[in-house]
Amino acid sequence: MRLILSILMSTAALAISAQPLQTFVENKLQHPFLQGALWGGAASMAQGGSQTLFSVQEHTRLTPASTLKLLTTAAALEVFGPHHRFQTRLYAQGTPDAQGVLHGALYLQGGGDMTLGSTRVTGAEKWEIVARRWAKAVKEAGIKKIEGNLYADVSLFEGPSIAPKVNWENMGNYFAAPASPLCFNDNSFEIHFKPQLRGNQPAPVSHIVPDLPQIRLESFVTTDGKTKQDNAYVYAAPGQYDLKIFGTIPTSLTGFTIKGALPDPALFALEALRQALAEQNIAVTGTWETLSRAPDYNSLQLLHTYQSPELKDIVWIVNKRSFNLYADMLLRHLAVQAGQKGSVENGVAQLRKFLVTHGIAAPNEVVLHDGSGLSRDNLVTPRVLLNTLLFMARSPNFEYYYNSLATPDDRGDLLVLRRYLKPKKKINDVRVKGGTIDSVKAAAGYVRAENGQLIAFVFMANNLAGKDESLFRIHEDILKELLQVK
């Protein structure tokens, strides 16, 4: 009886505290910066009752920006499990003759490992090392010469390599790199500009890394002596090797570097394999090309299997570093796991199915075009985001999900609370996934309140006309109130 009374008293106390918090939030939203904008958000106790603390337009569909990654990574952890690894296999067509000549082709089977040849994720290796591992496997198979072609099997996915609603300004840049069953080096390359000490001057390109002679760059970039940030964009579509760069970069004594998207990552992987084979004195007489239809692997000889890091470590990069490519690859893998081709459309259908099946969203509550949030046309209600956070708070995979979110001490994502929390030694009491695209700023995650309970929160602002920090201050003040819930 005493326990029941205690629970009832606790619930009543929360109900009383929720009303002042609702009023506090509504008052904050009267700020002039939000005039003409849309703001939706909500907060609930995350474990044991899901008591709502405040709610503003929680059923209004809004553009989520990168907070959409919270949905994608939740589905990936639940569908695959945190320890899942993606595989890339190397096959030979036949066996070498007595002189070590392979009278057949080599096949790289793209398994959709988004980390292949990247050093972003713990345990992953640089693309040169990966290529050398492949070449070493070929040599250990007794192959000294290949009288055949090099093929990259990209049949795991189908359809456009970039989601259809990604805008033209983003396409061609590393943060909108094309998805591929055979990713390599994060499907990007570095563009190095020559040093320039004065502003308003042309910024010519000095070189690119890796050296890709097929790529032809034309720079219309100028220098800006008043900022340390770059505002340069590569304009190109997937498969296009003539690239144009517009915008500005800071002045610099040592030069400046940006990243572009590889036109065809699978072909780059084959080129890297060919170079690594040459280092082993293994000649290739044929050409190299991609295949959209898989060969009969039962008739081929498996030479090497390369495994990705665990999914939990990939999710850490997706959320904490807001890496679009990995998120959009995970979306496609949801379709592959369901026995379908890894297209954007199939991935979106599987993500929506996951949300509906687990009661996170109603069938028509979300409008999705990718898994990363890069498209301005994505629409998600604050309630769906909040339900996702609440669902994961009760999942066996919650530890991996929670740890993938940024603290205010991490670079990017809600640095505004650092001065408030660091003196209190409470940096880890806030975990957040931020999202920013043109006219959109969003944040969602968890706070650990004074009463020790976990609170899930969502803030979504759309149709913003400016870029000052007023919105950060509003969100910061609301988070401070959530931290003080008793």
Protein backbone atom coordinates (compact mmCIF):
# COMPACT_ATOMS: atom_id res chain seq x y z
CA MET A 1 0.00 0.00 0.00
CA ARG A 2 2.86 2.33 0.94
CA LEU A 3 4.56 1.64 -2.44
CA ILE A 4 1.34 2.42 -4.37
CA LEU A 5 0.89 5.64 -2.41
CA SER A 6 4.51 6.60 -3.17
CA ILE A 7 3.98 6.02 -6.90
CA LEU A 8 0.77 8.05 -6.89
CA MET A 9 2.49 10.92 -5.07
CA SER A 10 5.41 10.82 -7.54
CA THR A 11 3.02 10.89 -10.51
CA ALA A 12 1.10 13.79 -9.00
CA ALA A 13 4.32 15.72 -8.44
CA LEU A 14 5.30 15.24 -12.09
CA ALA A 15 1.88 16.42 -13.24
CA ILE A 16 2.23 19.56 -11.13
CA SER A 17 5.79 20.27 -12.41
CA ALA A 18 4.82 19.59 -16.04
CA GLN A 19 2.38 22.50 -16.20
CA PRO A 20 4.92 25.20 -15.23
CA LEU A 21 7.36 23.67 -17.73
CA GLN A 22 4.72 23.86 -20.48
CA THR A 23 4.19 27.53 -19.68
CA PHE A 24 7.94 28.16 -19.52
CA VAL A 25 8.45 26.67 -23.01
CA GLU A 26 5.51 28.56 -24.51
CA ASN A 27 6.88 31.82 -23.11
CA LYS A 28 10.32 31.12 -24.57
CA LEU A 29 8.78 30.58 -27.99
CA GLN A 30 7.52 34.16 -28.05
CA HIS A 31 11.06 35.29 -28.93
CA PRO A 32 11.12 37.61 -32.01
CA PHE A 33 13.60 35.31 -33.74
CA LEU A 34 10.85 32.70 -34.12
CA GLN A 35 8.33 35.08 -35.65
CA GLY A 36 7.14 33.53 -38.92
CA ALA A 37 8.88 30.24 -38.13
CA LEU A 38 7.47 26.88 -37.06
CA TRP A 39 8.59 25.26 -33.79
CA GLY A 40 7.52 21.90 -32.50
CA GLY A 41 8.82 19.89 -29.59
CA ALA A 42 8.08 17.67 -26.64
CA ALA A 43 9.70 16.03 -23.65
CA SER A 44 8.77 12.95 -21.64
CA MET A 45 10.16 10.81 -18.87
CA ALA A 46 12.00 8.12 -20.80
CA GLN A 47 11.71 5.19 -18.42
CA GLY A 48 8.84 4.12 -16.22
CA GLY A 49 5.63 5.81 -17.28
CA SER A 50 6.58 8.21 -20.10
CA GLN A 51 5.03 11.19 -18.31
CA THR A 52 4.80 14.10 -20.78
CA LEU A 53 6.56 17.22 -19.47
CA PHE A 54 5.67 19.60 -22.29
CA SER A 55 4.27 19.40 -25.80
CA VAL A 56 4.12 22.01 -28.58
CA GLN A 57 2.82 21.07 -32.04
CA GLU A 58 4.03 17.53 -31.46
CA HIS A 59 1.84 16.11 -34.25
CA THR A 60 2.89 18.68 -36.88
CA ARG A 61 5.10 17.30 -39.64
CA LEU A 62 8.38 19.24 -39.76
CA THR A 63 11.70 18.87 -41.55
CA PRO A 64 13.98 16.99 -39.13
CA ALA A 65 17.38 17.57 -40.81
CA SER A 66 19.95 15.18 -39.30
CA THR A 67 17.78 14.22 -36.33
CA LEU A 68 16.28 11.79 -38.86
CA LYS A 69 19.41 9.70 -38.25
CA LEU A 70 17.90 8.79 -34.87
CA LEU A 71 15.25 6.78 -36.72
CA THR A 72 17.69 5.12 -39.12
CA THR A 73 20.20 4.09 -36.46
CA ALA A 74 17.47 2.84 -34.13
CA ALA A 75 16.13 0.58 -36.87
CA ALA A 76 19.64 -0.62 -37.81
CA LEU A 77 20.54 -1.55 -34.23
CA GLU A 78 17.25 -3.38 -33.74
CA VAL A 79 17.27 -5.19 -37.11
CA PHE A 80 20.96 -6.17 -37.31
CA GLY A 81 22.12 -6.08 -33.69
CA PRO A 82 25.09 -4.05 -32.44
CA HIS A 83 27.75 -6.61 -33.37
CA HIS A 84 26.82 -7.08 -37.02
CA ARG A 85 29.62 -6.70 -39.60
CA PHE A 86 29.41 -6.08 -43.35
CA GLN A 87 31.60 -8.11 -45.69
CA THR A 88 33.47 -7.52 -48.95
CA ARG A 89 34.72 -10.59 -50.78
CA LEU A 90 37.39 -11.09 -53.45
CA TYR A 91 36.98 -13.99 -55.90
CA ALA A 92 39.05 -15.46 -58.73
CA GLN A 93 37.64 -17.06 -61.86
CA GLY A 94 39.44 -20.39 -61.82
CA THR A 95 42.92 -21.25 -60.56
CA PRO A 96 46.32 -20.26 -61.94
CA ASP A 97 48.23 -22.56 -64.29
CA ALA A 98 51.70 -23.93 -63.62
CA GLN A 99 53.28 -20.58 -64.54
CA GLY A 100 50.99 -18.71 -62.14
CA VAL A 101 48.80 -17.23 -64.88
CA LEU A 102 45.11 -16.81 -64.09
CA HIS A 103 43.17 -17.18 -67.35
CA GLY A 104 40.13 -15.46 -65.88
CA ALA A 105 38.90 -12.44 -63.99
CA LEU A 106 38.98 -11.16 -60.42
CA TYR A 107 35.70 -10.10 -58.81
CA LEU A 108 35.19 -7.73 -55.90
CA GLN A 109 31.76 -8.44 -54.43
CA GLY A 110 30.40 -5.27 -52.88
CA GLY A 111 28.70 -6.12 -49.60
CA GLY A 112 27.76 -2.56 -48.71
CA ASP A 113 30.55 -1.97 -46.17
CA MET A 114 30.34 1.81 -45.85
CA THR A 115 33.59 1.91 -43.84
CA LEU A 116 35.74 0.14 -46.44
CA GLY A 117 39.02 2.02 -46.86
CA SER A 118 38.05 4.65 -44.27
CA THR A 119 39.70 5.53 -40.97
CA ARG A 120 36.63 7.20 -39.44
CA VAL A 121 35.52 4.12 -37.50
CA THR A 122 37.59 2.35 -34.86
CA GLY A 123 39.05 -0.80 -36.41
CA ALA A 124 38.75 0.33 -40.03
CA GLU A 125 41.83 0.65 -42.27
CA LYS A 126 43.00 3.11 -44.91
CA TRP A 127 42.14 2.27 -48.51
CA GLU A 128 45.80 1.60 -49.42
CA ILE A 129 46.02 -1.05 -46.70
CA VAL A 130 42.78 -2.69 -47.78
CA ALA A 131 43.94 -2.85 -51.40
CA ARG A 132 47.24 -4.38 -50.32
CA ARG A 133 45.40 -7.05 -48.34
CA TRP A 134 43.51 -7.97 -51.50
CA ALA A 135 46.73 -8.07 -53.55
CA LYS A 136 48.45 -10.20 -50.92
CA ALA A 137 45.57 -12.70 -51.05
CA VAL A 138 45.95 -12.89 -54.84
CA LYS A 139 49.69 -13.53 -54.51
CA GLU A 140 49.16 -16.19 -51.82
CA ALA A 141 46.80 -17.99 -54.23
CA GLY A 142 49.81 -18.47 -56.53
CA ILE A 143 48.66 -15.91 -59.09
CA LYS A 144 51.48 -14.05 -60.85
CA LYS A 145 49.59 -12.69 -63.82
CA ILE A 146 45.92 -12.07 -64.59
CA GLU A 147 44.81 -12.51 -68.19
CA GLY A 148 41.33 -11.23 -67.53
CA ASN A 149 39.40 -8.27 -66.25
CA LEU A 150 38.86 -6.79 -62.80
CA TYR A 151 35.17 -6.55 -61.94
CA ALA A 152 33.31 -4.75 -59.16
CA ASP A 153 29.95 -6.35 -58.44
CA VAL A 154 27.58 -3.57 -57.37
CA SER A 155 24.37 -5.57 -57.82
CA LEU A 156 23.44 -5.36 -54.12
CA PHE A 157 21.92 -1.90 -54.68
CA GLU A 158 19.81 -0.46 -57.45
CA GLY A 159 18.42 2.92 -58.46
CA PRO A 160 20.05 6.34 -58.07
CA SER A 161 23.16 6.40 -55.88
CA ILE A 162 22.00 9.68 -54.31
CA ALA A 163 18.51 10.18 -52.91
CA PRO A 164 16.38 12.01 -55.51
CA LYS A 165 15.52 14.95 -53.23
CA VAL A 166 19.12 15.97 -52.47
CA ASN A 167 19.69 19.45 -53.86
CA TRP A 168 22.18 20.35 -56.58
CA GLU A 169 24.42 22.43 -54.31
CA ASN A 170 25.10 19.43 -52.06
CA MET A 171 25.66 16.91 -54.83
CA GLY A 172 29.35 16.51 -55.62
CA ASN A 173 30.48 17.16 -52.04
CA TYR A 174 31.69 14.59 -49.52
CA PHE A 175 28.65 15.09 -47.24
CA ALA A 176 26.38 13.96 -50.10
CA ALA A 177 28.69 11.28 -51.50
CA PRO A 178 26.94 8.57 -53.54
CA ALA A 179 26.05 5.28 -51.90
CA SER A 180 27.64 2.17 -53.39
CA PRO A 181 27.77 -1.54 -52.52
CA LEU A 182 31.52 -1.06 -52.93
CA CYS A 183 32.31 2.10 -50.97
CA PHE A 184 35.93 3.20 -50.76
CA ASN A 185 37.62 5.99 -48.79
CA ASP A 186 34.21 7.32 -47.69
CA ASN A 187 33.50 7.78 -51.41
CA SER A 188 35.39 11.07 -51.34
CA PHE A 189 38.67 12.72 -52.32
CA GLU A 190 40.58 15.78 -51.13
CA ILE A 191 40.87 18.97 -53.19
CA HIS A 192 43.90 21.07 -52.21
CA PHE A 193 44.04 24.78 -53.04
CA LYS A 194 47.22 26.79 -53.41
CA PRO A 195 48.12 29.23 -50.58
CA GLN A 196 46.66 32.71 -50.96
CA LEU A 197 47.27 35.52 -48.44
CA ARG A 198 44.91 38.14 -49.85
CA GLY A 199 41.14 38.18 -50.00
CA ASN A 200 39.03 38.41 -53.16
CA GLN A 201 41.64 36.52 -55.16
CA PRO A 202 41.23 33.44 -57.39
CA ALA A 203 41.94 30.17 -55.56
CA PRO A 204 43.45 27.66 -58.01
CA VAL A 205 43.61 23.94 -57.22
CA SER A 206 47.12 22.59 -56.61
CA HIS A 207 46.37 18.83 -56.51
CA ILE A 208 43.89 16.18 -55.38
CA VAL A 209 44.36 13.17 -53.09
CA PRO A 210 44.24 10.41 -54.13
CA ASP A 211 45.55 11.28 -57.57
CA LEU A 212 42.72 10.49 -59.98
CA PRO A 213 43.71 11.55 -63.51
CA GLN A 214 40.18 10.96 -64.84
CA ILE A 215 38.82 13.84 -62.74
CA ARG A 216 38.95 17.27 -64.36
CA LEU A 217 38.48 20.21 -62.00
CA GLU A 218 37.67 23.81 -62.82
CA SER A 219 37.84 26.24 -59.90
CA PHE A 220 35.80 29.44 -59.71
CA VAL A 221 36.61 29.75 -56.00
CA THR A 222 37.87 33.01 -54.50
CA THR A 223 39.44 33.80 -51.13
CA ASP A 224 37.69 35.48 -48.22
CA GLY A 225 39.95 37.20 -45.71
CA LYS A 226 37.15 37.81 -43.18
CA THR A 227 36.27 34.22 -42.23
CA LYS A 228 37.99 30.99 -41.23
CA GLN A 229 35.24 28.82 -42.68
CA ASP A 230 34.97 27.57 -46.24
CA ASN A 231 31.93 28.19 -48.36
CA ALA A 232 33.06 26.28 -51.43
CA TYR A 233 30.88 23.68 -53.15
CA VAL A 234 31.68 21.08 -55.78
CA TYR A 235 29.04 20.86 -58.48
CA ALA A 236 28.77 17.44 -60.13
CA ALA A 237 26.43 14.49 -60.46
CA PRO A 238 27.36 10.83 -59.76
CA GLY A 239 29.43 9.42 -62.61
CA GLN A 240 30.43 12.90 -63.80
CA TYR A 241 34.19 13.50 -64.04
CA ASP A 242 34.09 17.17 -65.09
CA LEU A 243 33.70 19.02 -61.80
CA LYS A 244 33.25 22.72 -61.13
CA ILE A 245 33.86 24.40 -57.78
CA PHE A 246 32.19 27.66 -56.74
CA GLY A 247 32.24 29.71 -53.56
CA THR A 248 34.89 31.02 -51.18
CA ILE A 249 37.64 29.66 -48.92
CA PRO A 250 39.66 31.43 -46.20
CA THR A 251 43.03 33.00 -46.95
CA SER A 252 45.88 30.77 -45.78
CA LEU A 253 49.67 30.53 -45.59
CA THR A 254 49.64 26.80 -46.22
CA GLY A 255 46.70 26.36 -48.58
CA PHE A 256 43.23 25.02 -47.92
CA THR A 257 41.51 21.66 -48.42
CA ILE A 258 37.91 20.62 -49.07
CA LYS A 259 36.47 17.23 -50.01
CA GLY A 260 34.54 16.20 -53.11
CA ALA A 261 32.48 13.09 -53.83
CA LEU A 262 34.00 10.32 -55.93
CA PRO A 263 32.14 9.99 -59.25
CA ASP A 264 32.27 6.16 -59.09
CA PRO A 265 33.63 4.66 -55.84
CA ALA A 266 33.61 1.08 -57.15
CA LEU A 267 35.86 1.97 -60.08
CA PHE A 268 38.23 3.71 -57.67
CA ALA A 269 38.36 0.50 -55.59
CA LEU A 270 39.30 -1.48 -58.71
CA GLU A 271 41.97 1.07 -59.61
CA ALA A 272 43.40 0.77 -56.10
CA LEU A 273 43.40 -3.04 -56.44
CA ARG A 274 45.20 -2.80 -59.79
CA GLN A 275 47.88 -0.55 -58.29
CA ALA A 276 48.32 -2.87 -55.31
CA LEU A 277 48.67 -5.85 -57.66
CA ALA A 278 51.34 -3.94 -59.58
CA GLU A 279 53.24 -3.44 -56.32
CA GLN A 280 53.27 -7.24 -56.02
CA ASN A 281 54.49 -7.52 -59.64
CA ILE A 282 51.17 -9.05 -60.68
CA ALA A 283 50.21 -7.77 -64.12
CA VAL A 284 46.60 -7.39 -65.29
CA THR A 285 46.10 -7.55 -69.07
CA GLY A 286 42.36 -6.82 -69.05
CA THR A 287 40.29 -3.77 -68.18
CA TRP A 288 38.24 -2.97 -65.08
CA GLU A 289 34.53 -2.29 -64.88
CA THR A 290 31.46 -2.52 -62.68
CA LEU A 291 28.76 -5.19 -62.89
CA SER A 292 25.08 -4.58 -62.14
CA ARG A 293 24.34 -8.31 -62.31
CA ALA A 294 26.12 -10.72 -59.97
CA PRO A 295 28.18 -13.58 -61.43
CA ASP A 296 27.71 -17.20 -60.32
CA TYR A 297 29.85 -17.16 -57.18
CA ASN A 298 29.52 -20.92 -56.79
CA SER A 299 31.80 -21.27 -59.81
CA LEU A 300 34.43 -18.87 -58.43
CA GLN A 301 37.24 -19.27 -55.90
CA LEU A 302 37.02 -17.18 -52.73
CA LEU A 303 40.37 -15.51 -52.07
CA HIS A 304 39.64 -13.06 -49.28
CA THR A 305 36.84 -11.77 -47.02
CA TYR A 306 37.19 -8.31 -45.52
CA GLN A 307 34.95 -7.43 -42.55
CA SER A 308 33.77 -4.04 -41.37
CA PRO A 309 33.93 -2.87 -37.76
CA GLU A 310 30.87 -3.68 -35.65
CA LEU A 311 27.62 -1.85 -36.33
CA LYS A 312 27.67 -0.18 -32.91
CA ASP A 313 30.89 1.61 -33.90
CA ILE A 314 29.38 2.64 -37.25
CA VAL A 315 26.29 4.01 -35.49
CA TRP A 316 28.63 6.00 -33.21
CA ILE A 317 29.98 7.82 -36.28
CA VAL A 318 26.53 8.25 -37.86
CA ASN A 319 25.10 10.04 -34.83
CA LYS A 320 28.04 11.66 -33.11
CA ARG A 321 29.63 12.89 -36.36
CA SER A 322 26.34 13.11 -38.30
CA PHE A 323 27.84 11.28 -41.28
CA ASN A 324 25.29 11.18 -44.09
CA LEU A 325 26.85 8.46 -46.25
CA TYR A 326 26.81 5.86 -43.49
CA ALA A 327 23.20 6.69 -42.58
CA ASP A 328 22.01 6.37 -46.17
CA MET A 329 23.92 3.09 -46.55
CA LEU A 330 22.20 1.72 -43.42
CA LEU A 331 18.85 2.69 -44.91
CA ARG A 332 19.59 0.59 -48.00
CA HIS A 333 20.73 -2.31 -45.84
CA LEU A 334 17.31 -2.41 -44.18
CA ALA A 335 15.94 -3.30 -47.63
CA VAL A 336 18.68 -5.87 -48.30
CA GLN A 337 18.00 -7.55 -44.95
CA ALA A 338 14.34 -7.85 -45.99
CA GLY A 339 15.37 -9.70 -49.16
CA GLN A 340 15.05 -6.72 -51.49
CA LYS A 341 17.43 -4.70 -53.62
CA GLY A 342 19.10 -1.91 -51.68
CA SER A 343 17.35 1.08 -53.23
CA VAL A 344 16.39 4.29 -51.49
CA GLU A 345 12.70 3.52 -52.04
CA ASN A 346 12.95 0.01 -50.60
CA GLY A 347 14.97 1.27 -47.65
CA VAL A 348 12.44 3.99 -46.89
CA ALA A 349 9.62 1.42 -47.05
CA GLN A 350 11.42 -0.82 -44.55
CA LEU A 351 12.16 2.07 -42.19
CA ARG A 352 8.52 3.13 -42.30
CA LYS A 353 7.49 -0.49 -41.65
CA PHE A 354 9.79 -0.61 -38.62
CA LEU A 355 8.27 2.58 -37.21
CA VAL A 356 4.69 1.39 -37.70
CA THR A 357 5.30 -2.17 -36.45
CA HIS A 358 6.76 -0.92 -33.17
CA GLY A 359 4.07 1.71 -32.65
CA ILE A 360 6.50 4.57 -33.10
CA ALA A 361 4.58 6.19 -35.97
CA ALA A 362 1.23 5.95 -37.68
CA PRO A 363 1.32 4.87 -41.37
CA ASN A 364 1.02 8.44 -42.73
CA GLU A 365 2.86 10.28 -39.98
CA VAL A 366 6.22 10.53 -41.77
CA VAL A 367 7.35 11.50 -45.27
CA LEU A 368 10.83 10.10 -45.91
CA HIS A 369 13.22 10.51 -48.85
CA ASP A 370 16.54 9.35 -47.33
CA GLY A 371 18.04 8.00 -44.13
CA SER A 372 20.32 10.90 -43.29
CA GLY A 373 18.02 13.93 -43.23
CA LEU A 374 19.88 15.67 -46.04
CA SER A 375 16.68 16.32 -48.00
CA ARG A 376 14.61 19.37 -47.09
CA ASP A 377 11.54 17.35 -48.15
CA ASN A 378 11.72 14.86 -45.27
CA LEU A 379 8.86 15.38 -42.82
CA VAL A 380 8.65 13.90 -39.32
CA THR A 381 6.55 14.92 -36.32
CA PRO A 382 8.21 15.71 -32.99
CA ARG A 383 6.11 12.89 -31.52
CA VAL A 384 7.67 10.32 -33.87
CA LEU A 385 11.17 11.43 -32.88
CA LEU A 386 10.18 11.35 -29.22
CA ASN A 387 8.60 7.90 -29.57
CA THR A 388 11.83 6.65 -31.17
CA LEU A 389 13.85 7.90 -28.21
CA LEU A 390 11.38 6.35 -25.77
CA PHE A 391 11.39 3.03 -27.65
CA MET A 392 15.19 2.86 -27.62
CA ALA A 393 15.35 3.79 -23.92
CA ARG A 394 13.69 0.42 -23.26
CA SER A 395 15.74 -1.53 -25.81
CA PRO A 396 18.56 -3.96 -24.93
CA ASN A 397 20.61 -1.91 -27.41
CA PHE A 398 20.05 1.37 -25.57
CA GLU A 399 23.63 1.63 -24.27
CA TYR A 400 25.02 1.73 -27.84
CA TYR A 401 22.34 4.14 -29.00
CA TYR A 402 22.77 6.49 -26.03
CA ASN A 403 26.56 6.53 -26.30
CA SER A 404 26.37 7.39 -30.01
CA LEU A 405 24.80 10.76 -29.20
CA ALA A 406 26.99 13.80 -28.66
CA THR A 407 27.66 15.42 -25.31
CA PRO A 408 28.03 19.20 -25.17
CA ASP A 409 31.79 18.55 -24.99
CA ASP A 410 31.89 16.92 -28.44
CA ARG A 411 32.69 18.95 -31.52
CA GLY A 412 29.50 19.97 -33.26
CA ASP A 413 25.98 19.41 -31.93
CA LEU A 414 24.83 21.78 -29.21
CA LEU A 415 28.11 23.17 -27.88
CA VAL A 416 26.05 25.89 -26.18
CA LEU A 417 25.61 23.99 -22.89
CA ARG A 418 29.31 23.43 -22.32
CA ARG A 419 29.83 26.48 -20.08
CA TYR A 420 26.80 25.56 -18.01
CA LEU A 421 27.53 21.87 -17.47
CA LYS A 422 31.32 21.64 -17.32
CA PRO A 423 31.72 23.49 -13.99
CA LYS A 424 29.07 21.20 -12.54
CA LYS A 425 30.89 18.10 -13.88
CA LYS A 426 27.63 17.06 -15.51
CA ILE A 427 28.64 17.00 -19.21
CA ASN A 428 27.36 13.44 -19.58
CA ASP A 429 23.93 14.43 -18.28
CA VAL A 430 23.02 15.63 -21.79
CA ARG A 431 23.14 13.50 -24.94
CA VAL A 432 21.96 15.06 -28.20
CA LYS A 433 21.67 14.58 -31.94
CA GLY A 434 21.57 17.91 -33.72
CA GLY A 435 20.32 18.70 -37.20
CA THR A 436 20.95 21.71 -39.42
CA ILE A 437 20.11 22.39 -43.05
CA ASP A 438 18.91 25.57 -44.75
CA SER A 439 16.29 27.28 -42.53
CA VAL A 440 16.11 24.24 -40.22
CA LYS A 441 17.63 23.62 -36.79
CA ALA A 442 16.66 20.65 -34.67
CA ALA A 443 17.93 18.81 -31.63
CA ALA A 444 16.78 15.65 -29.89
CA GLY A 445 18.15 13.35 -27.25
CA TYR A 446 18.21 12.75 -23.51
CA VAL A 447 18.95 14.59 -20.27
CA ARG A 448 19.50 13.12 -16.82
CA ALA A 449 17.41 15.24 -14.45
CA GLU A 450 18.17 16.14 -10.84
CA ASN A 451 15.82 13.40 -9.70
CA GLY A 452 18.03 10.87 -11.49
CA GLN A 453 15.44 10.02 -14.11
CA LEU A 454 16.09 10.06 -17.84
CA ILE A 455 14.12 12.53 -19.95
CA ALA A 456 13.76 12.34 -23.75
CA PHE A 457 13.35 15.63 -25.60
CA VAL A 458 12.81 16.94 -29.14
CA PHE A 459 13.18 20.50 -30.47
CA MET A 460 12.43 21.24 -34.15
CA ALA A 461 12.54 24.71 -35.74
CA ASN A 462 11.63 25.21 -39.41
CA ASN A 463 11.41 28.18 -41.77
CA LEU A 464 14.07 30.16 -39.94
CA ALA A 465 15.09 33.41 -41.59
CA GLY A 466 18.40 34.03 -39.80
CA LYS A 467 21.48 32.30 -38.40
CA ASP A 468 22.09 34.12 -35.11
CA GLU A 469 22.36 32.18 -31.85
CA SER A 470 18.98 33.18 -30.43
CA LEU A 471 17.57 29.71 -31.08
CA PHE A 472 20.52 28.10 -29.29
CA ARG A 473 19.76 30.25 -26.25
CA ILE A 474 16.10 29.21 -26.33
CA HIS A 475 16.99 25.52 -26.54
CA GLU A 476 19.65 25.93 -23.87
CA ASP A 477 17.17 27.48 -21.45
CA ILE A 478 14.65 24.68 -22.01
CA LEU A 479 17.34 22.05 -21.44
CA LYS A 480 18.36 23.76 -18.20
CA GLU A 481 14.78 23.47 -17.00
CA LEU A 482 14.66 19.78 -17.92
CA LEU A 483 17.89 19.15 -16.03
CA GLN A 484 16.30 20.64 -12.92
CA VAL A 485 13.18 18.46 -12.97
CA LYS A 486 12.71 16.97 -9.51
